Amino acid sequence: MGYHRAGFDVVGVDIEDQKNYPFEFIHCDAIRILSYLADDAEPFPGAPWFDAVHASPPCQDHIRGGMRGNHGTGWMLPASRFYLQQQPRPWVIENVPGATMRADYVLCGCTFGLPGLRRPRWFETSWNGFDFRTPCHHTGRAVTVAGHGAQGSWEYVDGVAPTQEDRRRAMGIDWMNRDELAEAIPPAFAECIGGQLLEQLAAVTP
């Protein structure tokens, strides 16, 4: 949604069906799509042409302090970067603090005035982007939207659990269920990065 608001026609790709996704969607392995782009090949007949690529590999194996168990998806971040670097389009990779990536942009809910959202995210870019921003600062109750377990994994810092409406309001998203919210990037984040991405495209377009 953030890239749409920035001015892009958005196509989503995921190996799992996303029934609430609001734009064109391809039900496919995203790594497979990236490998075809690296080979400058058509992933499948009639596949859309992409001018830029955003990748959000699973974050569970990159979270500082770890999560219970090994999810076996940590390889997807370096694999995504490898394929993205083999193709000419500008690209963005998003993940959590502590991931094995360069943090060109560091964004959090407080950066955009999202109500109580404590959700820092790193963005690595093909153009080695850089931006000064004020330090992360939260006052009052904070909403952390993460995990797929019991609601106890989503608590205010004072121990009062937020409602689903609180989480949606904090993320700036009103169309996702609980599990989808846990995987989402707030649209304000992607809109910000999308503006930088459009500048990169404009610089290379004749």
C-alpha atoms as a PDB file:
ATOM      1  CA  MET A   1       0.000   0.000   0.000  1.00  0.00           C
ATOM      2  CA  GLY A   2       2.846   2.392   0.788  1.00  0.00           C
ATOM      3  CA  TYR A   3       4.428   1.898  -2.635  1.00  0.00           C
ATOM      4  CA  HIS A   4       1.005   2.414  -4.235  1.00  0.00           C
ATOM      5  CA  ARG A   5       0.645   5.707  -2.369  1.00  0.00           C
ATOM      6  CA  ALA A   6       4.123   6.698  -3.536  1.00  0.00           C
ATOM      7  CA  GLY A   7       2.983   6.260  -7.164  1.00  0.00           C
ATOM      8  CA  PHE A   8       3.813   2.663  -8.125  1.00  0.00           C
ATOM      9  CA  ASP A   9       1.655   0.007  -9.760  1.00  0.00           C
ATOM     10  CA  VAL A  10       2.241  -2.796  -7.276  1.00  0.00           C
ATOM     11  CA  VAL A  11       2.423  -6.548  -7.869  1.00  0.00           C
ATOM     12  CA  GLY A  12       2.800  -8.802  -4.828  1.00  0.00           C
ATOM     13  CA  VAL A  13       4.513 -12.201  -4.880  1.00  0.00           C
ATOM     14  CA  ASP A  14       4.304 -14.825  -2.145  1.00  0.00           C
ATOM     15  CA  ILE A  15       4.492 -18.598  -1.911  1.00  0.00           C
ATOM     16  CA  GLU A  16       1.372 -18.508   0.283  1.00  0.00           C
ATOM     17  CA  ASP A  17      -1.931 -17.129  -0.912  1.00  0.00           C
ATOM     18  CA  GLN A  18      -2.745 -13.686   0.524  1.00  0.00           C
ATOM     19  CA  LYS A  19      -6.501 -13.367   0.290  1.00  0.00           C
ATOM     20  CA  ASN A  20      -6.629  -9.817   1.707  1.00  0.00           C
ATOM     21  CA  TYR A  21      -3.857  -8.431  -0.508  1.00  0.00           C
ATOM     22  CA  PRO A  22      -5.380  -5.363  -2.225  1.00  0.00           C
ATOM     23  CA  PHE A  23      -3.346  -5.347  -5.476  1.00  0.00           C
ATOM     24  CA  GLU A  24      -2.321  -7.693  -8.279  1.00  0.00           C
ATOM     25  CA  PHE A  25      -0.924 -10.864  -6.746  1.00  0.00           C
ATOM     26  CA  ILE A  26       1.225 -13.729  -8.052  1.00  0.00           C
ATOM     27  CA  HIS A  27       1.033 -16.967  -6.057  1.00  0.00           C
ATOM     28  CA  CYS A  28       4.617 -18.124  -6.531  1.00  0.00           C
ATOM     29  CA  ASP A  29       7.962 -18.596  -4.789  1.00  0.00           C
ATOM     30  CA  ALA A  30       9.467 -15.091  -4.617  1.00  0.00           C
ATOM     31  CA  ILE A  31      13.022 -16.463  -4.774  1.00  0.00           C
ATOM     32  CA  ARG A  32      12.094 -18.135  -8.061  1.00  0.00           C
ATOM     33  CA  ILE A  33      10.872 -14.808  -9.449  1.00  0.00           C
ATOM     34  CA  LEU A  34      14.117 -13.111  -8.352  1.00  0.00           C
ATOM     35  CA  SER A  35      16.219 -15.807 -10.017  1.00  0.00           C
ATOM     36  CA  TYR A  36      14.380 -15.274 -13.316  1.00  0.00           C
ATOM     37  CA  LEU A  37      14.888 -11.513 -13.073  1.00  0.00           C
ATOM     38  CA  ALA A  38      18.598 -12.116 -12.518  1.00  0.00           C
ATOM     39  CA  ASP A  39      18.690 -14.167 -15.721  1.00  0.00           C
ATOM     40  CA  ASP A  40      16.640 -11.498 -17.538  1.00  0.00           C
ATOM     41  CA  ALA A  41      14.110 -14.206 -18.298  1.00  0.00           C
ATOM     42  CA  GLU A  42      10.324 -14.223 -18.221  1.00  0.00           C
ATOM     43  CA  PRO A  43       9.198 -16.061 -15.038  1.00  0.00           C
ATOM     44  CA  PHE A  44       6.096 -17.352 -16.821  1.00  0.00           C
ATOM     45  CA  PRO A  45       4.051 -16.416 -19.911  1.00  0.00           C
ATOM     46  CA  GLY A  46       2.358 -13.084 -19.480  1.00  0.00           C
ATOM     47  CA  ALA A  47       4.332 -12.144 -16.350  1.00  0.00           C
ATOM     48  CA  PRO A  48       4.333  -8.391 -15.642  1.00  0.00           C
ATOM     49  CA  TRP A  49       7.431  -6.315 -16.280  1.00  0.00           C
ATOM     50  CA  PHE A  50       9.011  -4.895 -13.129  1.00  0.00           C
ATOM     51  CA  ASP A  51      10.824  -1.546 -12.975  1.00  0.00           C
ATOM     52  CA  ALA A  52      11.943  -1.999  -9.366  1.00  0.00           C
ATOM     53  CA  VAL A  53      11.910  -4.775  -6.788  1.00  0.00           C
ATOM     54  CA  HIS A  54      11.249  -4.871  -3.037  1.00  0.00           C
ATOM     55  CA  ALA A  55      12.078  -8.018  -1.055  1.00  0.00           C
ATOM     56  CA  SER A  56      11.016  -8.792   2.526  1.00  0.00           C
ATOM     57  CA  PRO A  57      12.511 -12.197   3.370  1.00  0.00           C
ATOM     58  CA  PRO A  58      11.221 -13.916   6.545  1.00  0.00           C
ATOM     59  CA  CYS A  59      12.625 -12.248   9.645  1.00  0.00           C
ATOM     60  CA  GLN A  60      12.269 -14.916  12.353  1.00  0.00           C
ATOM     61  CA  ASP A  61      15.855 -16.184  12.109  1.00  0.00           C
ATOM     62  CA  HIS A  62      17.242 -12.629  12.192  1.00  0.00           C
ATOM     63  CA  ILE A  63      15.513 -11.217  15.275  1.00  0.00           C
ATOM     64  CA  ARG A  64      17.943 -10.112  17.971  1.00  0.00           C
ATOM     65  CA  GLY A  65      17.870 -12.629  20.792  1.00  0.00           C
ATOM     66  CA  GLY A  66      16.272 -15.148  18.423  1.00  0.00           C
ATOM     67  CA  MET A  67      12.856 -16.744  18.450  1.00  0.00           C
ATOM     68  CA  ARG A  68      11.979 -20.189  19.693  1.00  0.00           C
ATOM     69  CA  GLY A  69      13.565 -22.746  17.384  1.00  0.00           C
ATOM     70  CA  ASN A  70      15.275 -22.390  14.029  1.00  0.00           C
ATOM     71  CA  HIS A  71      12.784 -21.489  11.335  1.00  0.00           C
ATOM     72  CA  GLY A  72      15.142 -22.492   8.520  1.00  0.00           C
ATOM     73  CA  THR A  73      14.506 -19.335   6.490  1.00  0.00           C
ATOM     74  CA  GLY A  74      17.625 -17.319   7.306  1.00  0.00           C
ATOM     75  CA  TRP A  75      19.193 -18.219   3.950  1.00  0.00           C
ATOM     76  CA  MET A  76      16.499 -16.287   2.065  1.00  0.00           C
ATOM     77  CA  LEU A  77      17.910 -12.846   2.870  1.00  0.00           C
ATOM     78  CA  PRO A  78      21.400 -13.414   1.355  1.00  0.00           C
ATOM     79  CA  ALA A  79      19.820 -15.380  -1.510  1.00  0.00           C
ATOM     80  CA  SER A  80      17.487 -12.474  -2.275  1.00  0.00           C
ATOM     81  CA  ARG A  81      20.377 -10.027  -2.229  1.00  0.00           C
ATOM     82  CA  PHE A  82      22.454 -12.291  -4.508  1.00  0.00           C
ATOM     83  CA  TYR A  83      19.754 -12.403  -7.189  1.00  0.00           C
ATOM     84  CA  LEU A  84      18.890  -8.723  -6.855  1.00  0.00           C
ATOM     85  CA  GLN A  85      22.510  -7.772  -7.400  1.00  0.00           C
ATOM     86  CA  GLN A  86      22.567  -9.762 -10.665  1.00  0.00           C
ATOM     87  CA  GLN A  87      19.835  -7.679 -12.291  1.00  0.00           C
ATOM     88  CA  PRO A  88      19.753  -3.990 -13.297  1.00  0.00           C
ATOM     89  CA  ARG A  89      16.624  -2.730 -11.538  1.00  0.00           C
ATOM     90  CA  PRO A  90      16.861  -0.653  -8.355  1.00  0.00           C
ATOM     91  CA  TRP A  91      15.926  -2.743  -5.347  1.00  0.00           C
ATOM     92  CA  VAL A  92      15.089  -2.625  -1.651  1.00  0.00           C
ATOM     93  CA  ILE A  93      15.428  -5.307   1.031  1.00  0.00           C
ATOM     94  CA  GLU A  94      13.527  -4.930   4.317  1.00  0.00           C
ATOM     95  CA  ASN A  95      14.107  -6.797   7.544  1.00  0.00           C
ATOM     96  CA  VAL A  96      14.441  -6.468  11.315  1.00  0.00           C
ATOM     97  CA  PRO A  97      17.242  -4.908  13.374  1.00  0.00           C
ATOM     98  CA  GLY A  98      20.032  -7.444  13.721  1.00  0.00           C
ATOM     99  CA  ALA A  99      19.594  -8.979  10.265  1.00  0.00           C
ATOM    100  CA  THR A 100      22.710  -9.550   8.155  1.00  0.00           C
ATOM    101  CA  MET A 101      22.224  -6.463   6.033  1.00  0.00           C
ATOM    102  CA  ARG A 102      23.256  -2.827   5.670  1.00  0.00           C
ATOM    103  CA  ALA A 103      20.789  -0.473   7.354  1.00  0.00           C
ATOM    104  CA  ASP A 104      20.594   2.352   4.814  1.00  0.00           C
ATOM    105  CA  TYR A 105      17.299   3.537   6.285  1.00  0.00           C
ATOM    106  CA  VAL A 106      16.077   2.842   9.824  1.00  0.00           C
ATOM    107  CA  LEU A 107      12.372   3.559  10.308  1.00  0.00           C
ATOM    108  CA  CYS A 108      10.004   3.168  13.251  1.00  0.00           C
ATOM    109  CA  GLY A 109       6.414   4.089  14.023  1.00  0.00           C
ATOM    110  CA  CYS A 110       7.474   7.150  16.018  1.00  0.00           C
ATOM    111  CA  THR A 111       9.169   8.495  12.861  1.00  0.00           C
ATOM    112  CA  PHE A 112       5.755   8.959  11.253  1.00  0.00           C
ATOM    113  CA  GLY A 113       3.568   9.682  14.254  1.00  0.00           C
ATOM    114  CA  LEU A 114       1.868   6.296  14.085  1.00  0.00           C
ATOM    115  CA  PRO A 115      -0.013   6.021  17.400  1.00  0.00           C
ATOM    116  CA  GLY A 116       2.188   4.110  19.809  1.00  0.00           C
ATOM    117  CA  LEU A 117       3.779   1.849  17.187  1.00  0.00           C
ATOM    118  CA  ARG A 118       7.127   0.403  18.276  1.00  0.00           C
ATOM    119  CA  ARG A 119       8.292  -1.396  15.120  1.00  0.00           C
ATOM    120  CA  PRO A 120      11.832  -0.547  13.974  1.00  0.00           C
ATOM    121  CA  ARG A 121      12.728  -1.837  10.513  1.00  0.00           C
ATOM    122  CA  TRP A 122      15.891  -1.756   8.402  1.00  0.00           C
ATOM    123  CA  PHE A 123      15.995  -1.115   4.653  1.00  0.00           C
ATOM    124  CA  GLU A 124      18.992  -1.895   2.435  1.00  0.00           C
ATOM    125  CA  THR A 125      18.971  -0.376  -1.048  1.00  0.00           C
ATOM    126  CA  SER A 126      20.794  -0.803  -4.323  1.00  0.00           C
ATOM    127  CA  TRP A 127      21.708   2.889  -4.285  1.00  0.00           C
ATOM    128  CA  ASN A 128      23.246   2.809  -0.774  1.00  0.00           C
ATOM    129  CA  GLY A 129      20.653   5.278   0.443  1.00  0.00           C
ATOM    130  CA  PHE A 130      21.294   7.448   3.470  1.00  0.00           C
ATOM    131  CA  ASP A 131      19.029   9.654   5.530  1.00  0.00           C
ATOM    132  CA  PHE A 132      19.384  11.445   8.854  1.00  0.00           C
ATOM    133  CA  ARG A 133      16.425  10.945  11.152  1.00  0.00           C
ATOM    134  CA  THR A 134      15.731  11.784  14.746  1.00  0.00           C
ATOM    135  CA  PRO A 135      16.434   9.013  17.285  1.00  0.00           C
ATOM    136  CA  CYS A 136      13.595   6.639  18.045  1.00  0.00           C
ATOM    137  CA  HIS A 137      11.494   8.056  20.895  1.00  0.00           C
ATOM    138  CA  HIS A 138       8.299   6.645  22.400  1.00  0.00           C
ATOM    139  CA  THR A 139       6.167   8.132  25.152  1.00  0.00           C
ATOM    140  CA  GLY A 140       3.119   6.625  26.794  1.00  0.00           C
ATOM    141  CA  ARG A 141       1.772   3.248  25.790  1.00  0.00           C
ATOM    142  CA  ALA A 142       3.562   1.428  22.991  1.00  0.00           C
ATOM    143  CA  VAL A 143       2.031  -1.126  20.618  1.00  0.00           C
ATOM    144  CA  THR A 144       4.315  -3.900  19.400  1.00  0.00           C
ATOM    145  CA  VAL A 145       2.744  -5.888  16.563  1.00  0.00           C
ATOM    146  CA  ALA A 146       4.652  -9.160  16.307  1.00  0.00           C
ATOM    147  CA  GLY A 147       4.299 -12.921  16.560  1.00  0.00           C
ATOM    148  CA  HIS A 148       1.520 -15.360  15.792  1.00  0.00           C
ATOM    149  CA  GLY A 149       0.950 -16.861  19.219  1.00  0.00           C
ATOM    150  CA  ALA A 150      -1.264 -15.850  22.090  1.00  0.00           C
ATOM    151  CA  GLN A 151      -2.244 -12.224  22.535  1.00  0.00           C
ATOM    152  CA  GLY A 152       0.177 -12.083  25.439  1.00  0.00           C
ATOM    153  CA  SER A 153       2.936 -11.647  22.859  1.00  0.00           C
ATOM    154  CA  TRP A 154       1.360  -8.280  22.025  1.00  0.00           C
ATOM    155  CA  GLU A 155       1.301  -6.221  25.189  1.00  0.00           C
ATOM    156  CA  TYR A 156       1.681  -2.606  26.051  1.00  0.00           C
ATOM    157  CA  VAL A 157       4.776  -1.867  28.073  1.00  0.00           C
ATOM    158  CA  ASP A 158       2.527  -1.427  31.128  1.00  0.00           C
ATOM    159  CA  GLY A 159       1.052  -4.903  30.680  1.00  0.00           C
ATOM    160  CA  VAL A 160      -2.303  -3.908  29.148  1.00  0.00           C
ATOM    161  CA  ALA A 161      -2.960  -5.866  25.963  1.00  0.00           C
ATOM    162  CA  PRO A 162      -4.029  -3.793  22.926  1.00  0.00           C
ATOM    163  CA  THR A 163      -7.056  -4.707  20.866  1.00  0.00           C
ATOM    164  CA  GLN A 164      -6.986  -5.647  17.189  1.00  0.00           C
ATOM    165  CA  GLU A 165      -8.280  -2.153  16.423  1.00  0.00           C
ATOM    166  CA  ASP A 166      -5.355  -0.669  18.397  1.00  0.00           C
ATOM    167  CA  ARG A 167      -2.920  -2.694  16.310  1.00  0.00           C
ATOM    168  CA  ARG A 168      -4.538  -1.745  13.035  1.00  0.00           C
ATOM    169  CA  ARG A 169      -4.588   1.927  13.988  1.00  0.00           C
ATOM    170  CA  ALA A 170      -0.941   1.808  15.053  1.00  0.00           C
ATOM    171  CA  MET A 171       0.114   0.177  11.760  1.00  0.00           C
ATOM    172  CA  GLY A 172      -2.076   2.413   9.587  1.00  0.00           C
ATOM    173  CA  ILE A 173      -3.724  -0.738   8.158  1.00  0.00           C
ATOM    174  CA  ASP A 174      -7.429  -1.569   8.366  1.00  0.00           C
ATOM    175  CA  TRP A 175      -7.746  -4.537   5.980  1.00  0.00           C
ATOM    176  CA  MET A 176      -5.526  -7.230   7.569  1.00  0.00           C
ATOM    177  CA  ASN A 177      -6.142  -9.889  10.183  1.00  0.00           C
ATOM    178  CA  ARG A 178      -3.850 -10.474  13.184  1.00  0.00           C
ATOM    179  CA  ASP A 179      -1.360 -12.797  11.475  1.00  0.00           C
ATOM    180  CA  GLU A 180      -1.152 -10.609   8.367  1.00  0.00           C
ATOM    181  CA  LEU A 181      -0.434  -7.539  10.509  1.00  0.00           C
ATOM    182  CA  ALA A 182       2.446  -9.380  12.188  1.00  0.00           C
ATOM    183  CA  GLU A 183       4.143  -9.774   8.777  1.00  0.00           C
ATOM    184  CA  ALA A 184       3.342  -6.326   7.394  1.00  0.00           C
ATOM    185  CA  ILE A 185       5.340  -3.177   6.779  1.00  0.00           C
ATOM    186  CA  PRO A 186       3.403  -0.051   7.801  1.00  0.00           C
ATOM    187  CA  PRO A 187       2.396   1.750   4.592  1.00  0.00           C
ATOM    188  CA  ALA A 188       4.043   4.940   5.883  1.00  0.00           C
ATOM    189  CA  PHE A 189       7.409   3.139   5.848  1.00  0.00           C
ATOM    190  CA  ALA A 190       7.055   1.868   2.284  1.00  0.00           C
ATOM    191  CA  GLU A 191       5.696   5.206   1.047  1.00  0.00           C
ATOM    192  CA  CYS A 192       8.813   6.913   2.420  1.00  0.00           C
ATOM    193  CA  ILE A 193      11.155   4.388   0.781  1.00  0.00           C
ATOM    194  CA  GLY A 194       9.038   4.489  -2.381  1.00  0.00           C
ATOM    195  CA  GLY A 195       9.679   8.226  -2.750  1.00  0.00           C
ATOM    196  CA  GLN A 196      13.415   7.584  -2.676  1.00  0.00           C
ATOM    197  CA  LEU A 197      12.993   4.727  -5.141  1.00  0.00           C
ATOM    198  CA  LEU A 198      11.106   6.942  -7.595  1.00  0.00           C
ATOM    199  CA  GLU A 199      14.004   9.405  -7.501  1.00  0.00           C
ATOM    200  CA  GLN A 200      16.380   6.591  -8.417  1.00  0.00           C
ATOM    201  CA  LEU A 201      14.182   5.540 -11.335  1.00  0.00           C
ATOM    202  CA  ALA A 202      13.911   9.124 -12.558  1.00  0.00           C
ATOM    203  CA  ALA A 203      17.694   9.474 -12.492  1.00  0.00           C
ATOM    204  CA  VAL A 204      18.214   6.511 -14.851  1.00  0.00           C
ATOM    205  CA  THR A 205      15.199   7.085 -17.142  1.00  0.00           C
ATOM    206  CA  PRO A 206      16.160   8.861 -20.403  1.00  0.00           C
END
